[in-house]
Protein backbone atom coordinates (compact mmCIF):
# COMPACT_ATOMS: atom_id res chain seq x y z
CA MET A 1 39.11 5.24 3.02
CA PHE A 2 37.43 1.87 2.64
CA LYS A 3 34.58 2.98 4.88
CA THR A 4 34.10 6.19 2.90
CA THR A 5 33.75 4.16 -0.28
CA GLN A 6 31.16 1.93 1.37
CA VAL A 7 29.17 4.94 2.56
CA ILE A 8 29.20 6.52 -0.89
CA LEU A 9 28.12 3.25 -2.50
CA ALA A 10 25.32 2.82 0.04
CA LEU A 11 24.07 6.36 -0.58
CA LEU A 12 24.11 5.84 -4.33
CA LEU A 13 22.15 2.61 -3.95
CA LEU A 14 19.60 4.28 -1.70
CA TRP A 15 19.21 7.17 -4.12
CA GLY A 16 18.66 4.70 -6.96
CA PHE A 17 15.88 2.91 -5.06
CA GLN A 18 14.18 6.15 -4.11
CA ALA A 19 14.25 7.37 -7.69
CA GLN A 20 11.80 4.66 -8.79
CA ALA A 21 8.60 6.29 -9.95
CA THR A 22 5.14 5.15 -8.97
CA THR A 23 2.46 5.38 -11.63
CA ASP A 24 -0.89 7.04 -11.00
CA ALA A 25 -2.61 3.66 -11.26
CA GLN A 26 -0.25 2.17 -8.67
CA THR A 27 -0.82 5.08 -6.31
CA GLN A 28 -4.59 4.86 -6.74
CA SER A 29 -4.65 1.12 -6.07
CA LEU A 30 -2.49 1.58 -2.99
CA GLU A 31 -4.72 4.42 -1.75
CA GLN A 32 -7.78 2.21 -2.25
CA MET A 33 -6.16 -0.45 -0.06
CA GLY A 34 -5.48 2.22 2.57
CA LYS A 35 -9.11 3.35 2.48
CA LEU A 36 -10.34 -0.19 2.89
CA ASN A 37 -7.89 -0.76 5.72
CA GLY A 38 -9.14 2.36 7.52
CA ILE A 39 -12.74 1.18 7.20
CA ALA A 40 -11.81 -2.36 8.27
CA LEU A 41 -10.14 -0.97 11.38
CA GLY A 42 -13.14 1.24 12.13
CA CYS A 43 -15.53 -1.69 11.70
CA ARG A 44 -13.29 -4.12 13.57
CA TYR A 45 -12.98 -6.36 10.52
CA PHE A 46 -9.66 -7.66 11.78
CA ASP A 47 -9.55 -10.71 9.49
CA GLN A 48 -9.83 -8.35 6.53
CA VAL A 49 -7.04 -6.16 7.97
CA LYS A 50 -4.83 -9.27 7.95
CA THR A 51 -5.89 -10.01 4.37
CA ILE A 52 -5.00 -6.45 3.32
CA LYS A 53 -1.56 -6.59 4.94
CA LYS A 54 -0.85 -9.99 3.36
CA ALA A 55 -1.87 -8.71 -0.08
CA LEU A 56 0.42 -5.69 0.30
CA VAL A 57 3.39 -7.78 1.38
CA GLN A 58 2.90 -10.10 -1.57
CA ALA A 59 2.33 -7.43 -4.22
CA LEU A 60 4.46 -4.43 -3.33
CA PRO A 61 8.15 -3.89 -3.83
CA LYS A 62 9.89 -3.03 -0.57
CA ARG A 63 9.88 0.77 -0.86
CA ARG A 64 9.38 3.08 2.07
CA GLU A 65 7.31 5.65 0.16
CA LEU A 66 4.71 3.00 -0.68
CA GLY A 67 4.28 2.19 2.99
CA ARG A 68 3.91 5.88 3.77
CA ILE A 69 1.15 6.29 1.20
CA PHE A 70 -0.74 3.31 2.59
CA GLU A 71 -0.36 4.35 6.24
CA THR A 72 -1.32 7.99 5.55
CA VAL A 73 -4.51 7.03 3.71
CA THR A 74 -5.36 4.39 6.33
CA ASP A 75 -5.02 6.91 9.16
CA GLN A 76 -7.01 9.62 7.35
CA THR A 77 -9.80 7.23 6.36
CA TYR A 78 -10.03 5.71 9.84
CA ARG A 79 -10.29 9.14 11.48
CA GLU A 80 -12.92 10.33 9.00
CA PHE A 81 -14.89 7.09 9.26
CA VAL A 82 -15.02 7.18 13.06
CA ALA A 83 -15.83 10.91 13.18
CA SER A 84 -18.64 10.59 10.65
CA LYS A 85 -20.23 7.67 12.53
CA THR A 86 -20.89 6.03 9.17
CA ALA A 87 -22.48 2.60 9.33
CA CYS A 88 -20.16 -0.27 8.50
CA PRO A 89 -20.68 -1.96 5.16
CA SER A 90 -21.94 -5.50 5.29
CA ALA A 91 -19.25 -8.14 5.53
CA GLU A 92 -20.24 -9.39 2.07
CA ALA A 93 -20.08 -5.96 0.44
CA PHE A 94 -16.74 -5.22 2.11
CA ALA A 95 -15.33 -8.60 1.00
CA ALA A 96 -16.38 -7.90 -2.60
CA ASP A 97 -14.78 -4.44 -2.55
CA LEU A 98 -11.63 -5.89 -1.01
CA GLU A 99 -11.39 -8.65 -3.61
CA THR A 100 -11.66 -6.10 -6.42
CA ALA A 101 -9.05 -3.85 -4.76
CA ILE A 102 -6.61 -6.74 -4.32
CA GLN A 103 -7.00 -7.74 -7.97
CA ASN A 104 -6.35 -4.12 -8.97
CA LEU A 105 -3.31 -3.94 -6.69
CA ASN A 106 -1.88 -7.15 -8.12
CA GLN A 107 -2.45 -5.94 -11.66
CA ASN A 108 -0.81 -2.57 -11.04
CA PHE A 109 2.16 -4.02 -9.17
CA SER A 110 2.67 -7.09 -11.33
CA PRO A 111 6.27 -8.36 -11.51
CA GLU A 112 6.44 -7.40 -15.19
CA LEU A 113 5.96 -3.75 -14.22
CA GLN A 114 8.71 -3.99 -11.59
CA ALA A 115 11.42 -5.12 -14.01
CA PRO A 116 14.25 -2.61 -14.54
CA GLY A 117 13.70 -0.22 -17.39
CA LYS A 118 9.90 -0.41 -17.34
């Protein structure tokens, strides 16, 4: 019986974490990071890929659905970028876009917005 109680409690906790909503602004900022990551991979801007991953780890709450959004957009953007044979943006232009996207991500996933009841 003790194990059954633990399983029920674990399921309730998991359900509670999955029930957290993501705002449109949060989703958009996360999608922008995925787009930039796809382009960075296509252009072999591997230092920027590391910067993107670091920014995500620092800003995002540990929720599986957020990782899925990022990975899905990254994959789609990378495939489209490679197929279209689009020229890579300059390192300076990409760095500026990335800086803006990271600021947006940090603003949309600020700790104040992550507090319970908000």
